[in-house]
Amino acid sequence: MHLTRRHLLGATAAAGVTGLATGCEPERPAAQDGAADDPPALDPASWDSVHAQFALDRSRAHLATFVFAPHPAPVRAAVATHRDGLDRDASGYLLANEERLDRAVLDAAAGHLGTNPDQIALTDSTTMGLGLVYSAIRLRPGDEVLTTEHDFYATHESLRLRAERDGVTVLRARLYRDAATAGVDEMVAGLAAALTPRTRVVALTWVHSSTGVKLPVRRLAEVVRERSPEALLCLDAVHGFGADASTPEQLGCDVLVSGCHKWLLGPRGTGLVWATGRAWARMTPVIPSFDGRVIGSWLAGGGGQPAPPGPAHTPGGYHSFEHRWALADAFGFHSRIGPARVAERTRELADRLKEGLAGVRGVRLVTPRAADLSAGVVCCEVPGVPVGEAVGRLRSAGVVASSTPYRPSYLRFGATIANGEQDVEAALRAVRTLV
C-alpha cells in the first residue's frame, strides 16, 4: 500500500474529506475589472505581454527583481486558488490534493531540468538546500572539501558548521584576481591547483552574486573528474537557474541547488535540489521525509519500500503549500515563453546594461563583458560614492538596485523578463547623476 500524509493524520481526518477526494480544486477567485490580477492573456512571443503579467509599480525601474521576485499572473492566480482551498478546509484540501500537486511540481521541475522527477528534492530556498546537501554528504576523516573565496555566506557557513561538527577540512581556492578581466583558463587553473586526491566535495557557485561572473562549469567539472575523480561537484545555481537555459547534464555537475524565487520568478519561499544517482547514494537525509514510502517503512518497523532519493531528501512537515504548488505554474510560464528565449532576453538586457555602464565616465564595470562569462547579474563601482548611498540615491530617482553583501560591496543590477529596455535606460540615466 502506498501511504500518504493522511496515514500520519489518522483515518478519522481522512474520512472527512470525501467531498474533495477526487482532487478537485476550488474555482479561482474572480478579479475585479482593471485589477492587477486581471492582466491581458499572455502572448509568449511579445515581451510587452510578458511584462503585463507582473503587477509591478511601473513608476519605478525594478532592477532587483532577481533578488526576491514578483509573481507573474499565472503564479498569483495559482497561489490564490490553493490559498482559497486551504482557507475553506485546510486539512481536507491538503489531504485530497497534496500527492497530485506535489507530483505536478516535480514533473514540471524535471521537464525544466531535463531529468527524472525522482532525482529532485523540494526545499524552501537555496540556503536550505545547501545546508541539507553539505550536511547530508558522508565524509571520512582526512577527506577534504574545496570551495572558493568567491562563494556566498550560505555555502561558507554551511561548510564551516560541517567542519565544526566532525572536523572535515574545508579549503578555499581563488579562481580569479579581477572579475572584470577573469578568463576561463585562469579559473580552470585556479581550481586545478587546489584539487588533491583527498578532495571529496567541490562547492561552487554558477553565477557569483558578488561580481556577476558566470563560471565555465563544464570545463571545471572536467578538471574535477580528471584530478579528483571521487569528488562530487556541487553547484549553487540560483543566479543561473532561469537566467541560463543549461541543464545539469550540460553543466556536468553532480548536485544542483537553487531557489526558485529569483530568476525563475517563481513563488517566494520555494527551491529544489537535483542530484545524480551517484551523488544521492553518498548522502543520508537530514530531515525526515513525509513521502509515503518512508512513512510506510516506519509503520512496518523499519522494513518496506525505500523512497526514490529526491522524495527521501525532501523535508517533511507542513509547508507554505499554496506557494509550493504554484511552482508548477511558474515552470509552465517559463516553458510557454521558452527557456532559451528567456536566456537570450536576459543576456540582451544585461549586455545593454554593461555597455551603458562601461560608457559612463567615472563608473567601473565589475562584471565581465563576455556573454559566456556572465549571465544577468551586472555589478559596477562608483568610486567616491558609498554603495549604500548609491542605492538610496537611485531609489530616490525611481530606480530599484541592490548592493552585493560582500567585501568589497558593489552596486548591482539585474534585468529579468519582468523588465524592458526602458528600465535599463532609466538605470543608466540615474547612474550618470551619481558621478
Protein backbone atom coordinates (compact mmCIF):
# COMPACT_ATOMS: atom_id res chain seq x y z
CA MET A 1 0.00 0.00 0.00
CA HIS A 2 1.31 3.45 -0.93
CA LEU A 3 0.90 5.59 2.17
CA THR A 4 0.50 9.36 2.28
CA ARG A 5 0.28 12.12 4.86
CA ARG A 6 -3.29 11.13 5.70
CA HIS A 7 -1.96 7.96 7.34
CA LEU A 8 0.00 10.12 9.76
CA LEU A 9 -3.01 12.30 10.48
CA GLY A 10 -5.26 9.29 11.02
CA ALA A 11 -8.25 7.65 9.37
CA THR A 12 -10.72 9.97 11.10
CA ALA A 13 -9.26 13.02 9.43
CA ALA A 14 -9.07 11.23 6.12
CA ALA A 15 -12.70 10.15 6.34
CA GLY A 16 -13.79 13.77 6.46
CA VAL A 17 -12.54 14.67 3.00
CA THR A 18 -14.90 12.66 0.81
CA GLY A 19 -16.13 15.84 -0.82
CA LEU A 20 -12.61 16.62 -2.04
CA ALA A 21 -11.34 13.10 -2.60
CA THR A 22 -11.46 13.44 -6.36
CA GLY A 23 -8.71 16.05 -6.19
CA CYS A 24 -10.92 18.85 -7.46
CA GLU A 25 -9.84 22.44 -6.94
CA PRO A 26 -11.98 25.42 -5.94
CA GLU A 27 -12.76 27.98 -8.58
CA ARG A 28 -10.14 30.67 -8.99
CA PRO A 29 -11.22 33.88 -7.27
CA ALA A 30 -12.71 36.34 -9.73
CA ALA A 31 -10.70 39.52 -10.27
CA GLN A 32 -12.29 42.94 -10.42
CA ASP A 33 -12.14 44.85 -13.70
CA GLY A 34 -8.80 46.58 -14.08
CA ALA A 35 -7.26 44.79 -11.11
CA ALA A 36 -3.62 43.78 -11.13
CA ASP A 37 -4.73 40.14 -11.07
CA ASP A 38 -6.65 40.58 -14.33
CA PRO A 39 -3.87 41.09 -16.92
CA PRO A 40 -4.36 40.52 -20.62
CA ALA A 41 -3.84 36.97 -21.88
CA LEU A 42 -0.19 36.04 -22.24
CA ASP A 43 1.30 36.24 -25.72
CA PRO A 44 4.65 34.49 -25.13
CA ALA A 45 6.05 36.00 -28.33
CA SER A 46 5.56 39.56 -27.03
CA TRP A 47 7.78 40.97 -24.30
CA ASP A 48 5.19 43.68 -23.68
CA SER A 49 2.67 40.93 -22.97
CA VAL A 50 5.15 39.20 -20.67
CA HIS A 51 5.73 42.47 -18.78
CA ALA A 52 1.97 42.89 -18.38
CA GLN A 53 1.82 39.66 -16.36
CA PHE A 54 3.59 41.40 -13.47
CA ALA A 55 1.85 43.78 -11.09
CA LEU A 56 4.98 45.89 -10.57
CA ASP A 57 4.72 49.60 -9.83
CA ARG A 58 5.82 50.92 -13.21
CA SER A 59 6.66 54.33 -11.81
CA ARG A 60 9.95 52.70 -10.82
CA ALA A 61 12.53 50.71 -12.75
CA HIS A 62 12.76 47.50 -10.74
CA LEU A 63 16.24 46.11 -11.35
CA ALA A 64 16.37 43.97 -8.20
CA THR A 65 13.53 41.59 -9.07
CA PHE A 66 16.10 38.80 -9.31
CA VAL A 67 16.81 39.13 -5.58
CA PHE A 68 13.25 38.37 -4.46
CA ALA A 69 10.88 38.00 -7.36
CA PRO A 70 7.42 39.37 -8.01
CA HIS A 71 4.94 36.70 -9.06
CA PRO A 72 3.67 36.70 -12.65
CA ALA A 73 -0.09 36.47 -13.13
CA PRO A 74 -0.32 32.65 -13.50
CA VAL A 75 1.59 32.19 -10.26
CA ARG A 76 -0.52 34.78 -8.42
CA ALA A 77 -3.67 33.03 -9.61
CA ALA A 78 -2.39 29.60 -8.55
CA VAL A 79 -1.38 30.86 -5.12
CA ALA A 80 -4.84 32.39 -4.70
CA THR A 81 -6.56 29.16 -5.76
CA HIS A 82 -4.64 26.98 -3.33
CA ARG A 83 -4.88 29.55 -0.54
CA ASP A 84 -8.66 29.71 -1.00
CA GLY A 85 -8.93 25.91 -0.88
CA LEU A 86 -6.83 25.73 2.27
CA ASP A 87 -8.74 28.56 3.93
CA ARG A 88 -12.07 26.84 3.24
CA ASP A 89 -10.98 23.41 4.50
CA ALA A 90 -7.26 23.19 5.26
CA SER A 91 -6.99 19.51 6.16
CA GLY A 92 -9.47 18.43 3.51
CA TYR A 93 -7.81 20.33 0.69
CA LEU A 94 -4.37 19.17 1.78
CA LEU A 95 -5.25 15.50 2.09
CA ALA A 96 -7.19 15.42 -1.16
CA ASN A 97 -4.64 17.27 -3.28
CA GLU A 98 -1.14 17.07 -1.81
CA GLU A 99 0.10 13.97 -3.61
CA ARG A 100 -1.21 15.09 -7.01
CA LEU A 101 0.03 18.67 -6.70
CA ASP A 102 3.46 17.66 -5.40
CA ARG A 103 3.79 15.34 -8.39
CA ALA A 104 2.81 18.15 -10.76
CA VAL A 105 5.56 20.35 -9.30
CA LEU A 106 8.17 17.59 -9.58
CA ASP A 107 7.15 16.76 -13.15
CA ALA A 108 7.37 20.44 -14.14
CA ALA A 109 10.76 20.84 -12.47
CA ALA A 110 12.03 17.67 -14.13
CA GLY A 111 10.88 18.95 -17.51
CA HIS A 112 12.79 22.18 -16.98
CA LEU A 113 15.94 20.39 -15.83
CA GLY A 114 15.73 17.61 -18.41
CA THR A 115 15.83 14.93 -15.74
CA ASN A 116 13.79 12.39 -13.77
CA PRO A 117 11.47 13.78 -11.06
CA ASP A 118 12.73 11.17 -8.59
CA GLN A 119 16.12 12.94 -8.64
CA ILE A 120 14.63 16.17 -7.27
CA ALA A 121 14.05 17.19 -3.66
CA LEU A 122 11.85 20.18 -2.88
CA THR A 123 13.06 22.83 -0.43
CA ASP A 124 12.14 26.36 0.64
CA SER A 125 15.28 28.17 -0.54
CA THR A 126 18.82 27.88 -1.84
CA THR A 127 20.14 28.24 1.71
CA MET A 128 18.02 25.35 2.93
CA GLY A 129 19.19 23.22 0.00
CA LEU A 130 22.85 24.00 0.59
CA GLY A 131 22.51 23.25 4.29
CA LEU A 132 20.83 19.93 3.56
CA VAL A 133 23.37 18.85 0.94
CA TYR A 134 26.50 19.79 2.85
CA SER A 135 25.13 18.11 5.97
CA ALA A 136 23.95 15.00 4.10
CA ILE A 137 27.13 14.05 2.21
CA ARG A 138 29.01 11.31 4.03
CA LEU A 139 32.68 12.09 4.58
CA ARG A 140 35.50 10.29 6.36
CA PRO A 141 38.43 11.62 8.42
CA GLY A 142 41.03 13.02 6.07
CA ASP A 143 38.53 13.92 3.35
CA GLU A 144 38.69 17.48 2.02
CA VAL A 145 36.00 19.88 0.85
CA LEU A 146 37.06 22.56 -1.61
CA THR A 147 35.14 25.78 -2.15
CA THR A 148 36.26 29.23 -3.34
CA GLU A 149 36.82 32.69 -1.97
CA HIS A 150 34.02 33.95 -4.20
CA ASP A 151 31.17 31.90 -2.76
CA PHE A 152 28.28 33.30 -0.76
CA TYR A 153 27.78 33.19 3.00
CA ALA A 154 25.31 30.28 2.76
CA THR A 155 27.95 27.98 1.26
CA HIS A 156 30.78 29.15 3.51
CA GLU A 157 28.65 28.91 6.65
CA SER A 158 27.19 25.50 5.77
CA LEU A 159 30.71 24.17 5.33
CA ARG A 160 32.01 25.88 8.47
CA LEU A 161 29.25 24.27 10.52
CA ARG A 162 30.03 20.90 8.95
CA ALA A 163 33.70 21.33 9.85
CA GLU A 164 32.78 22.20 13.44
CA ARG A 165 30.62 19.09 13.75
CA ASP A 166 33.07 16.48 12.51
CA GLY A 167 36.40 18.11 11.72
CA VAL A 168 36.16 17.96 7.92
CA THR A 169 38.89 20.03 6.27
CA VAL A 170 37.47 22.90 4.20
CA LEU A 171 39.78 24.73 1.78
CA ARG A 172 39.15 27.81 -0.36
CA ALA A 173 40.57 28.48 -3.81
CA ARG A 174 40.82 31.77 -5.66
CA LEU A 175 39.57 31.46 -9.23
CA TYR A 176 40.33 34.98 -10.46
CA ARG A 177 42.02 38.15 -9.30
CA ASP A 178 39.90 40.70 -11.12
CA ALA A 179 36.32 39.85 -12.07
CA ALA A 180 36.27 42.28 -14.98
CA THR A 181 39.17 40.52 -16.70
CA ALA A 182 38.54 36.97 -15.48
CA GLY A 183 39.12 34.29 -18.10
CA VAL A 184 38.30 30.63 -18.49
CA ASP A 185 41.91 29.46 -18.39
CA GLU A 186 42.59 31.47 -15.23
CA MET A 187 39.58 29.94 -13.46
CA VAL A 188 40.37 26.40 -14.57
CA ALA A 189 43.98 26.78 -13.40
CA GLY A 190 42.88 28.25 -10.06
CA LEU A 191 40.61 25.31 -9.32
CA ALA A 192 43.01 22.67 -10.62
CA ALA A 193 45.80 23.93 -8.37
CA ALA A 194 43.64 23.44 -5.27
CA LEU A 195 42.35 19.94 -6.05
CA THR A 196 44.02 16.96 -4.34
CA PRO A 197 43.46 13.20 -4.24
CA ARG A 198 41.69 13.79 -0.90
CA THR A 199 39.09 16.19 -2.36
CA ARG A 200 35.64 14.65 -2.00
CA VAL A 201 33.38 17.68 -2.46
CA VAL A 202 33.83 20.73 -4.67
CA ALA A 203 31.40 23.50 -3.72
CA LEU A 204 30.99 26.12 -6.46
CA THR A 205 28.54 28.85 -7.45
CA TRP A 206 27.37 29.05 -11.06
CA VAL A 207 26.97 32.84 -11.18
CA HIS A 208 28.67 34.90 -8.49
CA SER A 209 26.27 37.34 -6.88
CA SER A 210 29.31 39.33 -5.73
CA THR A 211 30.58 40.22 -9.21
CA GLY A 212 28.30 38.71 -11.86
CA VAL A 213 30.99 36.28 -13.04
CA LYS A 214 29.50 33.10 -14.56
CA LEU A 215 31.76 30.10 -14.11
CA PRO A 216 32.65 27.81 -17.04
CA VAL A 217 31.10 24.96 -15.08
CA ARG A 218 31.53 22.31 -17.78
CA ARG A 219 35.26 22.97 -18.03
CA LEU A 220 35.63 22.98 -14.26
CA ALA A 221 33.70 19.71 -14.00
CA GLU A 222 36.12 18.11 -16.44
CA VAL A 223 39.07 19.20 -14.32
CA VAL A 224 37.43 17.80 -11.18
CA ARG A 225 36.84 14.44 -12.90
CA GLU A 226 40.46 14.34 -14.01
CA ARG A 227 42.20 15.47 -10.82
CA SER A 228 39.80 14.26 -8.11
CA PRO A 229 37.54 11.60 -9.66
CA GLU A 230 35.86 10.72 -6.36
CA ALA A 231 34.78 14.32 -5.75
CA LEU A 232 31.19 15.50 -6.12
CA LEU A 233 30.82 18.85 -7.86
CA CYS A 234 28.02 20.68 -6.03
CA LEU A 235 26.64 23.85 -7.58
CA ASP A 236 24.79 26.78 -6.04
CA ALA A 237 22.86 27.57 -9.22
CA VAL A 238 20.46 30.23 -8.03
CA HIS A 239 21.68 33.10 -10.23
CA GLY A 240 21.89 30.90 -13.30
CA PHE A 241 18.67 28.93 -12.78
CA GLY A 242 16.09 30.61 -15.01
CA ALA A 243 18.59 33.08 -16.47
CA ASP A 244 20.57 30.43 -18.38
CA ALA A 245 18.96 27.52 -20.21
CA SER A 246 21.71 24.97 -19.47
CA THR A 247 20.60 21.71 -17.85
CA PRO A 248 22.55 19.84 -15.14
CA GLU A 249 23.65 17.30 -17.74
CA GLN A 250 25.04 20.07 -19.94
CA LEU A 251 26.79 21.66 -16.95
CA GLY A 252 28.33 18.36 -15.85
CA CYS A 253 27.67 18.90 -12.13
CA ASP A 254 26.72 16.18 -9.63
CA VAL A 255 24.45 18.32 -7.46
CA LEU A 256 22.49 21.46 -8.35
CA VAL A 257 20.87 23.59 -5.65
CA SER A 258 18.62 26.54 -6.36
CA GLY A 259 15.85 28.69 -5.02
CA CYS A 260 13.00 29.27 -7.46
CA HIS A 261 12.08 32.82 -6.39
CA LYS A 262 14.86 34.63 -8.21
CA TRP A 263 15.48 34.41 -11.98
CA LEU A 264 12.76 31.81 -12.47
CA LEU A 265 10.35 34.36 -10.94
CA GLY A 266 8.65 31.52 -9.11
CA PRO A 267 6.72 31.52 -5.84
CA ARG A 268 8.56 33.09 -2.94
CA GLY A 269 9.85 30.51 -0.49
CA THR A 270 10.44 27.66 -2.95
CA GLY A 271 13.56 25.81 -4.05
CA LEU A 272 14.94 22.45 -5.10
CA VAL A 273 17.93 20.13 -5.03
CA TRP A 274 18.78 17.93 -8.02
CA ALA A 275 21.48 15.27 -7.85
CA THR A 276 22.78 12.34 -9.87
CA GLY A 277 22.25 8.82 -8.61
CA ARG A 278 25.97 8.73 -7.75
CA ALA A 279 25.62 11.81 -5.57
CA TRP A 280 22.37 10.82 -3.83
CA ALA A 281 23.96 7.45 -2.98
CA ARG A 282 26.57 9.30 -0.91
CA MET A 283 24.03 11.30 1.11
CA THR A 284 21.96 10.49 4.19
CA PRO A 285 18.74 12.51 4.62
CA VAL A 286 18.94 15.20 7.27
CA ILE A 287 15.25 15.96 7.92
CA PRO A 288 12.60 13.20 7.97
CA SER A 289 10.63 12.93 4.75
CA PHE A 290 6.85 12.64 4.64
CA ASP A 291 6.96 10.56 1.46
CA GLY A 292 4.51 7.70 1.86
CA ARG A 293 7.13 5.04 1.24
CA VAL A 294 9.28 6.35 4.08
CA ILE A 295 6.27 6.55 6.36
CA GLY A 296 5.32 3.02 5.34
CA SER A 297 8.77 1.77 6.24
CA TRP A 298 8.41 3.34 9.69
CA LEU A 299 4.97 1.84 10.21
CA ALA A 300 6.34 -1.56 9.17
CA GLY A 301 9.01 -1.34 11.83
CA GLY A 302 11.89 -0.36 9.57
CA GLY A 303 11.19 -2.56 6.56
CA GLY A 304 9.23 -1.71 3.45
CA GLN A 305 9.81 0.05 0.15
CA PRO A 306 12.50 2.75 0.13
CA ALA A 307 11.64 6.08 -1.44
CA PRO A 308 13.46 7.45 -4.50
CA PRO A 309 16.30 9.75 -3.45
CA GLY A 310 14.65 13.09 -4.23
CA PRO A 311 11.49 12.44 -2.21
CA ALA A 312 13.55 10.79 0.55
CA HIS A 313 15.56 14.02 0.95
CA THR A 314 12.55 16.38 0.74
CA PRO A 315 11.97 17.73 4.26
CA GLY A 316 8.66 16.63 5.68
CA GLY A 317 6.30 18.60 7.85
CA TYR A 318 3.94 21.37 6.80
CA HIS A 319 4.97 23.96 4.25
CA SER A 320 3.61 27.06 2.54
CA PHE A 321 1.68 24.73 0.27
CA GLU A 322 -0.07 27.42 -1.75
CA HIS A 323 3.37 28.65 -2.84
CA ARG A 324 4.95 25.24 -3.33
CA TRP A 325 2.11 24.01 -5.52
CA ALA A 326 2.11 27.22 -7.57
CA LEU A 327 5.69 26.38 -8.58
CA ALA A 328 4.28 24.16 -11.33
CA ASP A 329 2.65 27.26 -12.82
CA ALA A 330 5.95 29.16 -12.66
CA PHE A 331 7.66 26.43 -14.67
CA GLY A 332 4.70 26.46 -17.03
CA PHE A 333 5.01 30.24 -17.52
CA HIS A 334 8.71 29.88 -18.22
CA SER A 335 8.07 26.97 -20.59
CA ARG A 336 5.47 28.87 -22.61
CA ILE A 337 7.96 31.67 -23.27
CA GLY A 338 10.79 29.20 -23.85
CA PRO A 339 13.89 28.77 -21.62
CA ALA A 340 16.29 29.51 -24.49
CA ARG A 341 14.35 32.65 -25.40
CA VAL A 342 14.32 33.76 -21.74
CA ALA A 343 18.09 33.26 -21.57
CA GLU A 344 18.59 35.23 -24.76
CA ARG A 345 16.44 38.09 -23.45
CA THR A 346 18.33 38.10 -20.15
CA ARG A 347 21.67 38.32 -21.98
CA GLU A 348 20.34 41.07 -24.23
CA LEU A 349 19.28 43.28 -21.31
CA ALA A 350 22.47 42.50 -19.37
CA ASP A 351 24.61 43.41 -22.39
CA ARG A 352 22.72 46.69 -22.69
CA LEU A 353 23.38 47.42 -19.02
CA LYS A 354 27.07 46.52 -19.26
CA GLU A 355 27.66 48.56 -22.39
CA GLY A 356 25.87 51.56 -20.90
CA LEU A 357 27.67 51.41 -17.56
CA ALA A 358 31.05 50.95 -19.23
CA GLY A 359 30.38 54.13 -21.17
CA VAL A 360 29.68 56.27 -18.09
CA ARG A 361 32.83 58.14 -17.20
CA GLY A 362 33.70 57.60 -13.55
CA VAL A 363 31.98 54.19 -13.33
CA ARG A 364 33.98 50.95 -13.23
CA LEU A 365 32.23 47.89 -14.63
CA VAL A 366 33.00 44.85 -12.46
CA THR A 367 31.13 42.15 -14.38
CA PRO A 368 32.89 40.60 -17.40
CA ARG A 369 31.74 41.94 -20.76
CA ALA A 370 31.91 38.46 -22.36
CA ALA A 371 28.49 36.81 -22.61
CA ASP A 372 29.90 33.35 -21.84
CA LEU A 373 31.32 34.59 -18.52
CA SER A 374 28.27 36.46 -17.26
CA ALA A 375 24.52 35.99 -17.06
CA GLY A 376 22.01 38.54 -15.74
CA VAL A 377 23.79 39.98 -12.69
CA VAL A 378 25.63 43.22 -13.52
CA CYS A 379 27.89 44.87 -10.93
CA CYS A 380 29.72 48.16 -11.02
CA GLU A 381 31.60 50.57 -8.78
CA VAL A 382 31.21 54.32 -8.49
CA PRO A 383 34.45 55.47 -6.81
CA GLY A 384 33.83 58.02 -4.09
CA VAL A 385 30.17 57.09 -3.64
CA PRO A 386 29.45 54.53 -0.87
CA VAL A 387 27.30 51.69 -2.16
CA GLY A 388 24.52 52.25 0.36
CA GLU A 389 24.33 55.90 -0.63
CA ALA A 390 24.27 54.98 -4.31
CA VAL A 391 21.37 52.55 -3.80
CA GLY A 392 19.46 55.19 -1.86
CA ARG A 393 20.03 57.90 -4.44
CA LEU A 394 18.98 55.59 -7.24
CA ARG A 395 15.76 54.72 -5.42
CA SER A 396 15.02 58.41 -4.99
CA ALA A 397 15.47 58.70 -8.75
CA GLY A 398 12.97 55.87 -9.35
CA VAL A 399 15.44 53.02 -9.86
CA VAL A 400 15.50 49.98 -7.57
CA ALA A 401 19.00 48.49 -7.42
CA SER A 402 20.82 46.44 -4.79
CA SER A 403 24.24 46.11 -3.22
CA THR A 404 26.33 42.96 -3.04
CA PRO A 405 26.56 41.55 0.52
CA TYR A 406 30.31 41.01 0.31
CA ARG A 407 33.56 42.87 0.94
CA PRO A 408 34.13 44.78 -1.20
CA SER A 409 30.50 45.61 -1.91
CA TYR A 410 29.41 46.75 -5.37
CA LEU A 411 26.36 48.39 -6.87
CA ARG A 412 24.29 45.65 -8.52
CA PHE A 413 21.59 45.46 -11.17
CA GLY A 414 19.71 42.60 -12.78
CA ALA A 415 17.11 42.79 -15.53
CA THR A 416 14.73 39.82 -15.67
CA ILE A 417 11.94 39.16 -18.17
CA ALA A 418 9.79 41.37 -15.94
CA ASN A 419 11.89 44.29 -17.23
CA GLY A 420 12.25 46.09 -20.53
CA GLU A 421 14.70 48.37 -22.29
CA GLN A 422 13.08 51.38 -20.67
CA ASP A 423 14.12 50.10 -17.23
CA VAL A 424 17.72 49.72 -18.36
CA GLU A 425 17.76 53.21 -19.82
CA ALA A 426 16.25 54.64 -16.63
CA ALA A 427 19.00 52.96 -14.62
CA LEU A 428 21.73 54.33 -16.86
CA ARG A 429 20.33 57.88 -16.64
CA ALA A 430 20.19 57.60 -12.83
CA VAL A 431 23.76 56.26 -12.59
CA ARG A 432 25.04 59.22 -14.57
CA THR A 433 23.70 61.51 -11.84
CA LEU A 434 25.90 59.72 -9.29
CA VAL A 435 29.09 60.86 -10.97
